[in-house]
């Protein structure tokens, strides 16, 4: 398998499934389009959504394991 020359752009699959042609200018143009596309601006980044879900799950699990006031402990 040959490695691409340094500073060149290799083919990649875009979100819509089209194959990007080789060439630095073409890759830069597609990168600029994806970075400046208006429909992507209102979405939260994936990691923010995942972190908020994980925080909820941790709090929920913590609430399930806490003892109620007056609950007897086991004798083990």
PDB file of N, CA and C in Angstrom:
ATOM      1  N   UNK A   1       0.847  -1.181   0.000  1.00  0.00           N
ATOM      2  CA  UNK A   1       0.000   0.000   0.000  1.00  0.00           C
ATOM      3  C   UNK A   1       0.887   1.237   0.000  1.00  0.00           C
ATOM      4  N   UNK A   2       0.689   2.108  -0.963  1.00  0.00           N
ATOM      5  CA  UNK A   2       1.495   3.317  -1.070  1.00  0.00           C
ATOM      6  C   UNK A   2       0.901   4.409  -0.200  1.00  0.00           C
ATOM      7  N   UNK A   3       1.776   5.127   0.492  1.00  0.00           N
ATOM      8  CA  UNK A   3       1.335   6.260   1.296  1.00  0.00           C
ATOM      9  C   UNK A   3       1.265   7.498   0.412  1.00  0.00           C
ATOM     10  N   UNK A   4       0.300   8.381   0.649  1.00  0.00           N
ATOM     11  CA  UNK A   4       0.214   9.606  -0.149  1.00  0.00           C
ATOM     12  C   UNK A   4       1.382  10.532   0.164  1.00  0.00           C
ATOM     13  N   UNK A   5       1.735  11.348  -0.806  1.00  0.00           N
ATOM     14  CA  UNK A   5       2.816  12.300  -0.617  1.00  0.00           C
ATOM     15  C   UNK A   5       2.410  13.327   0.429  1.00  0.00           C
ATOM     16  N   UNK A   6       3.382  13.845   1.128  1.00  0.00           N
ATOM     17  CA  UNK A   6       3.114  14.816   2.183  1.00  0.00           C
ATOM     18  C   UNK A   6       2.498  16.085   1.593  1.00  0.00           C
ATOM     19  N   UNK A   7       1.460  16.601   2.245  1.00  0.00           N
ATOM     20  CA  UNK A   7       0.818  17.823   1.790  1.00  0.00           C
ATOM     21  C   UNK A   7      -0.263  17.602   0.755  1.00  0.00           C
ATOM     22  N   UNK A   8      -0.554  16.352   0.411  1.00  0.00           N
ATOM     23  CA  UNK A   8      -1.621  16.094  -0.554  1.00  0.00           C
ATOM     24  C   UNK A   8      -2.866  15.628   0.173  1.00  0.00           C
ATOM     25  N   UNK A   9      -3.959  15.720  -0.499  1.00  0.00           N
ATOM     26  CA  UNK A   9      -5.239  15.324   0.067  1.00  0.00           C
ATOM     27  C   UNK A   9      -5.635  13.987  -0.543  1.00  0.00           C
ATOM     28  N   UNK A  10      -6.116  13.074   0.267  1.00  0.00           N
ATOM     29  CA  UNK A  10      -6.509  11.758  -0.227  1.00  0.00           C
ATOM     30  C   UNK A  10      -8.025  11.686  -0.326  1.00  0.00           C
ATOM     31  N   UNK A  11      -8.561  10.765  -1.126  1.00  0.00           N
ATOM     32  CA  UNK A  11     -10.014  10.648  -1.233  1.00  0.00           C
ATOM     33  C   UNK A  11     -10.646  10.309   0.112  1.00  0.00           C
ATOM     34  N   UNK A  12     -11.807  10.857   0.352  1.00  0.00           N
ATOM     35  CA  UNK A  12     -12.544  10.590   1.586  1.00  0.00           C
ATOM     36  C   UNK A  12     -14.023  10.532   1.260  1.00  0.00           C
ATOM     37  N   UNK A  13     -14.792   9.925   2.116  1.00  0.00           N
ATOM     38  CA  UNK A  13     -16.231   9.838   1.917  1.00  0.00           C
ATOM     39  C   UNK A  13     -16.882  10.970   2.699  1.00  0.00           C
ATOM     40  N   UNK A  14     -17.739  11.723   2.059  1.00  0.00           N
ATOM     41  CA  UNK A  14     -18.428  12.814   2.733  1.00  0.00           C
ATOM     42  C   UNK A  14     -19.694  12.299   3.382  1.00  0.00           C
ATOM     43  N   UNK A  15     -20.409  13.185   4.059  1.00  0.00           N
ATOM     44  CA  UNK A  15     -21.626  12.794   4.767  1.00  0.00           C
ATOM     45  C   UNK A  15     -22.697  12.281   3.810  1.00  0.00           C
ATOM     46  N   UNK A  16     -22.695  12.757   2.591  1.00  0.00           N
ATOM     47  CA  UNK A  16     -23.725  12.344   1.632  1.00  0.00           C
ATOM     48  C   UNK A  16     -23.290  11.157   0.792  1.00  0.00           C
ATOM     49  N   UNK A  17     -22.108  10.609   1.051  1.00  0.00           N
ATOM     50  CA  UNK A  17     -21.659   9.415   0.356  1.00  0.00           C
ATOM     51  C   UNK A  17     -20.872   9.675  -0.915  1.00  0.00           C
ATOM     52  N   UNK A  18     -20.674  10.918  -1.311  1.00  0.00           N
ATOM     53  CA  UNK A  18     -19.903  11.218  -2.519  1.00  0.00           C
ATOM     54  C   UNK A  18     -18.418  11.086  -2.209  1.00  0.00           C
ATOM     55  N   UNK A  19     -17.657  10.626  -3.158  1.00  0.00           N
ATOM     56  CA  UNK A  19     -16.218  10.483  -2.957  1.00  0.00           C
ATOM     57  C   UNK A  19     -15.541  11.777  -3.381  1.00  0.00           C
ATOM     58  N   UNK A  20     -14.687  12.281  -2.512  1.00  0.00           N
ATOM     59  CA  UNK A  20     -13.984  13.535  -2.759  1.00  0.00           C
ATOM     60  C   UNK A  20     -12.790  13.254  -3.662  1.00  0.00           C
ATOM     61  N   UNK A  21     -12.594  14.091  -4.646  1.00  0.00           N
ATOM     62  CA  UNK A  21     -11.475  13.927  -5.563  1.00  0.00           C
ATOM     63  C   UNK A  21     -10.175  14.322  -4.884  1.00  0.00           C
ATOM     64  N   UNK A  22      -9.055  13.809  -5.436  1.00  0.00           N
ATOM     65  CA  UNK A  22      -7.748  14.189  -4.921  1.00  0.00           C
ATOM     66  C   UNK A  22      -7.481  15.639  -5.288  1.00  0.00           C
ATOM     67  N   UNK A  23      -6.711  16.294  -4.481  1.00  0.00           N
ATOM     68  CA  UNK A  23      -6.309  17.661  -4.780  1.00  0.00           C
ATOM     69  C   UNK A  23      -6.515  18.562  -3.586  1.00  0.00           C
ATOM     70  N   UNK A  24      -5.502  19.336  -3.282  1.00  0.00           N
ATOM     71  CA  UNK A  24      -5.546  20.183  -2.102  1.00  0.00           C
ATOM     72  C   UNK A  24      -6.636  21.246  -2.203  1.00  0.00           C
ATOM     73  N   UNK A  25      -6.817  21.847  -3.378  1.00  0.00           N
ATOM     74  CA  UNK A  25      -7.824  22.897  -3.534  1.00  0.00           C
ATOM     75  C   UNK A  25      -9.227  22.331  -3.329  1.00  0.00           C
ATOM     76  N   UNK A  26      -9.462  21.141  -3.879  1.00  0.00           N
ATOM     77  CA  UNK A  26     -10.789  20.521  -3.764  1.00  0.00           C
ATOM     78  C   UNK A  26     -11.107  20.208  -2.300  1.00  0.00           C
ATOM     79  N   UNK A  27     -10.142  19.655  -1.582  1.00  0.00           N
ATOM     80  CA  UNK A  27     -10.371  19.322  -0.178  1.00  0.00           C
ATOM     81  C   UNK A  27     -10.568  20.578   0.654  1.00  0.00           C
ATOM     82  N   UNK A  28      -9.836  21.632   0.346  1.00  0.00           N
ATOM     83  CA  UNK A  28      -9.993  22.882   1.080  1.00  0.00           C
ATOM     84  C   UNK A  28     -11.377  23.462   0.830  1.00  0.00           C
ATOM     85  N   UNK A  29     -11.846  23.404  -0.402  1.00  0.00           N
ATOM     86  CA  UNK A  29     -13.169  23.939  -0.722  1.00  0.00           C
ATOM     87  C   UNK A  29     -14.259  23.159   0.002  1.00  0.00           C
ATOM     88  N   UNK A  30     -14.137  21.854   0.052  1.00  0.00           N
ATOM     89  CA  UNK A  30     -15.139  21.046   0.747  1.00  0.00           C
ATOM     90  C   UNK A  30     -15.074  21.299   2.244  1.00  0.00           C
ATOM     91  N   UNK A  31     -13.863  21.418   2.791  1.00  0.00           N
ATOM     92  CA  UNK A  31     -13.713  21.719   4.216  1.00  0.00           C
ATOM     93  C   UNK A  31     -14.331  23.059   4.568  1.00  0.00           C
ATOM     94  N   UNK A  32     -14.110  24.072   3.716  1.00  0.00           N
ATOM     95  CA  UNK A  32     -14.714  25.385   3.955  1.00  0.00           C
ATOM     96  C   UNK A  32     -16.230  25.304   3.901  1.00  0.00           C
ATOM     97  N   UNK A  33     -16.764  24.540   2.957  1.00  0.00           N
ATOM     98  CA  UNK A  33     -18.215  24.387   2.839  1.00  0.00           C
ATOM     99  C   UNK A  33     -18.792  23.736   4.094  1.00  0.00           C
ATOM    100  N   UNK A  34     -18.158  22.651   4.547  1.00  0.00           N
ATOM    101  CA  UNK A  34     -18.677  21.959   5.721  1.00  0.00           C
ATOM    102  C   UNK A  34     -18.560  22.810   6.980  1.00  0.00           C
ATOM    103  N   UNK A  35     -17.492  23.597   7.097  1.00  0.00           N
ATOM    104  CA  UNK A  35     -17.309  24.439   8.276  1.00  0.00           C
ATOM    105  C   UNK A  35     -18.266  25.619   8.293  1.00  0.00           C
ATOM    106  N   UNK A  36     -18.660  26.120   7.123  1.00  0.00           N
ATOM    107  CA  UNK A  36     -19.497  27.311   7.053  1.00  0.00           C
ATOM    108  C   UNK A  36     -20.952  27.015   6.742  1.00  0.00           C
ATOM    109  N   UNK A  37     -21.323  25.752   6.638  1.00  0.00           N
ATOM    110  CA  UNK A  37     -22.689  25.396   6.262  1.00  0.00           C
ATOM    111  C   UNK A  37     -23.659  25.812   7.363  1.00  0.00           C
ATOM    112  N   UNK A  38     -24.729  26.500   6.998  1.00  0.00           N
ATOM    113  CA  UNK A  38     -25.655  27.078   7.970  1.00  0.00           C
ATOM    114  C   UNK A  38     -26.443  26.029   8.749  1.00  0.00           C
ATOM    115  N   UNK A  39     -26.764  24.885   8.153  1.00  0.00           N
ATOM    116  CA  UNK A  39     -27.597  23.905   8.847  1.00  0.00           C
ATOM    117  C   UNK A  39     -26.854  23.232   9.992  1.00  0.00           C
ATOM    118  N   UNK A  40     -25.541  23.320  10.017  1.00  0.00           N
ATOM    119  CA  UNK A  40     -24.775  22.679  11.088  1.00  0.00           C
ATOM    120  C   UNK A  40     -24.620  23.582  12.306  1.00  0.00           C
ATOM    121  N   UNK A  41     -25.005  24.846  12.203  1.00  0.00           N
ATOM    122  CA  UNK A  41     -24.736  25.780  13.288  1.00  0.00           C
ATOM    123  C   UNK A  41     -25.662  25.595  14.486  1.00  0.00           C
ATOM    124  N   UNK A  42     -26.870  25.092  14.287  1.00  0.00           N
ATOM    125  CA  UNK A  42     -27.805  25.002  15.405  1.00  0.00           C
ATOM    126  C   UNK A  42     -27.699  23.691  16.169  1.00  0.00           C
ATOM    127  N   UNK A  43     -26.896  22.753  15.709  1.00  0.00           N
ATOM    128  CA  UNK A  43     -26.751  21.476  16.401  1.00  0.00           C
ATOM    129  C   UNK A  43     -25.704  21.594  17.500  1.00  0.00           C
ATOM    130  N   UNK A  44     -25.961  20.922  18.637  1.00  0.00           N
ATOM    131  CA  UNK A  44     -24.943  20.853  19.672  1.00  0.00           C
ATOM    132  C   UNK A  44     -23.880  19.855  19.227  1.00  0.00           C
ATOM    133  N   UNK A  45     -22.639  20.091  19.593  1.00  0.00           N
ATOM    134  CA  UNK A  45     -21.615  19.097  19.290  1.00  0.00           C
ATOM    135  C   UNK A  45     -21.956  17.756  19.950  1.00  0.00           C
ATOM    136  N   UNK A  46     -21.522  16.673  19.332  1.00  0.00           N
ATOM    137  CA  UNK A  46     -21.866  15.338  19.813  1.00  0.00           C
ATOM    138  C   UNK A  46     -21.398  15.106  21.247  1.00  0.00           C
ATOM    139  N   UNK A  47     -20.191  15.596  21.593  1.00  0.00           N
ATOM    140  CA  UNK A  47     -19.677  15.326  22.934  1.00  0.00           C
ATOM    141  C   UNK A  47     -20.492  16.047  23.986  1.00  0.00           C
ATOM    142  N   UNK A  48     -21.049  17.223  23.694  1.00  0.00           N
ATOM    143  CA  UNK A  48     -21.876  17.929  24.679  1.00  0.00           C
ATOM    144  C   UNK A  48     -23.136  17.140  24.970  1.00  0.00           C
ATOM    145  N   UNK A  49     -23.762  16.591  23.922  1.00  0.00           N
ATOM    146  CA  UNK A  49     -24.975  15.804  24.139  1.00  0.00           C
ATOM    147  C   UNK A  49     -24.657  14.538  24.917  1.00  0.00           C
ATOM    148  N   UNK A  50     -23.549  13.898  24.610  1.00  0.00           N
ATOM    149  CA  UNK A  50     -23.180  12.665  25.307  1.00  0.00           C
ATOM    150  C   UNK A  50     -22.867  12.952  26.769  1.00  0.00           C
ATOM    151  N   UNK A  51     -22.175  14.053  27.047  1.00  0.00           N
ATOM    152  CA  UNK A  51     -21.834  14.380  28.431  1.00  0.00           C
ATOM    153  C   UNK A  51     -23.087  14.672  29.240  1.00  0.00           C
ATOM    154  N   UNK A  52     -24.052  15.361  28.658  1.00  0.00           N
ATOM    155  CA  UNK A  52     -25.266  15.658  29.415  1.00  0.00           C
ATOM    156  C   UNK A  52     -26.041  14.381  29.699  1.00  0.00           C
ATOM    157  N   UNK A  53     -26.052  13.443  28.762  1.00  0.00           N
ATOM    158  CA  UNK A  53     -26.723  12.162  29.016  1.00  0.00           C
ATOM    159  C   UNK A  53     -26.004  11.390  30.104  1.00  0.00           C
ATOM    160  N   UNK A  54     -24.681  11.378  30.074  1.00  0.00           N
ATOM    161  CA  UNK A  54     -23.928  10.632  31.079  1.00  0.00           C
ATOM    162  C   UNK A  54     -24.136  11.240  32.460  1.00  0.00           C
ATOM    163  N   UNK A  55     -24.231  12.562  32.555  1.00  0.00           N
ATOM    164  CA  UNK A  55     -24.478  13.208  33.840  1.00  0.00           C
ATOM    165  C   UNK A  55     -25.822  12.757  34.393  1.00  0.00           C
ATOM    166  N   UNK A  56     -26.845  12.693  33.547  1.00  0.00           N
ATOM    167  CA  UNK A  56     -28.171  12.252  33.981  1.00  0.00           C
ATOM    168  C   UNK A  56     -28.124  10.802  34.450  1.00  0.00           C
ATOM    169  N   UNK A  57     -27.429   9.954  33.725  1.00  0.00           N
ATOM    170  CA  UNK A  57     -27.353   8.538  34.091  1.00  0.00           C
ATOM    171  C   UNK A  57     -26.623   8.370  35.414  1.00  0.00           C
ATOM    172  N   UNK A  58     -25.532   9.113  35.621  1.00  0.00           N
ATOM    173  CA  UNK A  58     -24.799   9.014  36.889  1.00  0.00           C
ATOM    174  C   UNK A  58     -25.678   9.451  38.049  1.00  0.00           C
ATOM    175  N   UNK A  59     -26.409  10.564  37.894  1.00  0.00           N
ATOM    176  CA  UNK A  59     -27.276  11.041  38.972  1.00  0.00           C
ATOM    177  C   UNK A  59     -28.381  10.037  39.244  1.00  0.00           C
ATOM    178  N   UNK A  60     -28.951   9.464  38.197  1.00  0.00           N
ATOM    179  CA  UNK A  60     -30.037   8.500  38.359  1.00  0.00           C
ATOM    180  C   UNK A  60     -29.538   7.264  39.101  1.00  0.00           C
ATOM    181  N   UNK A  61     -28.376   6.746  38.735  1.00  0.00           N
ATOM    182  CA  UNK A  61     -27.826   5.577  39.415  1.00  0.00           C
ATOM    183  C   UNK A  61     -27.499   5.888  40.869  1.00  0.00           C
ATOM    184  N   UNK A  62     -27.026   7.088  41.136  1.00  0.00           N
ATOM    185  CA  UNK A  62     -26.706   7.482  42.507  1.00  0.00           C
ATOM    186  C   UNK A  62     -27.980   7.517  43.345  1.00  0.00           C
ATOM    187  N   UNK A  63     -29.050   8.040  42.791  1.00  0.00           N
ATOM    188  CA  UNK A  63     -30.316   8.089  43.526  1.00  0.00           C
ATOM    189  C   UNK A  63     -30.842   6.692  43.817  1.00  0.00           C
ATOM    190  N   UNK A  64     -30.606   5.762  42.919  1.00  0.00           N
ATOM    191  CA  UNK A  64     -31.087   4.397  43.131  1.00  0.00           C
ATOM    192  C   UNK A  64     -30.321   3.686  44.239  1.00  0.00           C
ATOM    193  N   UNK A  65     -29.061   4.061  44.471  1.00  0.00           N
ATOM    194  CA  UNK A  65     -28.251   3.357  45.463  1.00  0.00           C
ATOM    195  C   UNK A  65     -28.282   4.009  46.836  1.00  0.00           C
ATOM    196  N   UNK A  66     -28.783   5.241  46.958  1.00  0.00           N
ATOM    197  CA  UNK A  66     -28.849   5.900  48.266  1.00  0.00           C
ATOM    198  C   UNK A  66     -29.931   5.257  49.126  1.00  0.00           C
ATOM    199  N   UNK A  67     -29.682   5.202  50.433  1.00  0.00           N
ATOM    200  CA  UNK A  67     -30.667   4.634  51.349  1.00  0.00           C
ATOM    201  C   UNK A  67     -31.699   5.699  51.712  1.00  0.00           C
ATOM    202  N   UNK A  68     -32.908   5.251  51.931  1.00  0.00           N
ATOM    203  CA  UNK A  68     -33.932   6.145  52.444  1.00  0.00           C
ATOM    204  C   UNK A  68     -33.692   6.332  53.941  1.00  0.00           C
ATOM    205  N   UNK A  69     -34.140   7.451  54.480  1.00  0.00           N
ATOM    206  CA  UNK A  69     -33.974   7.707  55.907  1.00  0.00           C
ATOM    207  C   UNK A  69     -34.696   6.623  56.706  1.00  0.00           C
ATOM    208  N   UNK A  70     -34.022   6.026  57.647  1.00  0.00           N
ATOM    209  CA  UNK A  70     -34.626   5.005  58.479  1.00  0.00           C
ATOM    210  C   UNK A  70     -34.576   3.608  57.887  1.00  0.00           C
ATOM    211  N   UNK A  71     -33.994   3.455  56.709  1.00  0.00           N
ATOM    212  CA  UNK A  71     -33.925   2.131  56.104  1.00  0.00           C
ATOM    213  C   UNK A  71     -32.850   1.316  56.816  1.00  0.00           C
ATOM    214  N   UNK A  72     -33.177   0.096  57.188  1.00  0.00           N
ATOM    215  CA  UNK A  72     -32.246  -0.758  57.918  1.00  0.00           C
ATOM    216  C   UNK A  72     -31.123  -1.229  57.009  1.00  0.00           C
ATOM    217  N   UNK A  73     -29.934  -1.324  57.570  1.00  0.00           N
ATOM    218  CA  UNK A  73     -28.790  -1.857  56.836  1.00  0.00           C
ATOM    219  C   UNK A  73     -28.815  -3.378  56.917  1.00  0.00           C
ATOM    220  N   UNK A  74     -28.203  -4.022  55.964  1.00  0.00           N
ATOM    221  CA  UNK A  74     -28.158  -5.485  55.984  1.00  0.00           C
ATOM    222  C   UNK A  74     -27.138  -5.941  57.024  1.00  0.00           C
ATOM    223  N   UNK A  75     -27.241  -7.154  57.460  1.00  0.00           N
ATOM    224  CA  UNK A  75     -26.358  -7.690  58.497  1.00  0.00           C
ATOM    225  C   UNK A  75     -25.212  -8.495  57.920  1.00  0.00           C
ATOM    226  N   UNK A  76     -24.839  -8.247  56.702  1.00  0.00           N
ATOM    227  CA  UNK A  76     -23.756  -9.030  56.097  1.00  0.00           C
ATOM    228  C   UNK A  76     -22.400  -8.438  56.378  1.00  0.00           C
TER     229      UNK A  76
END
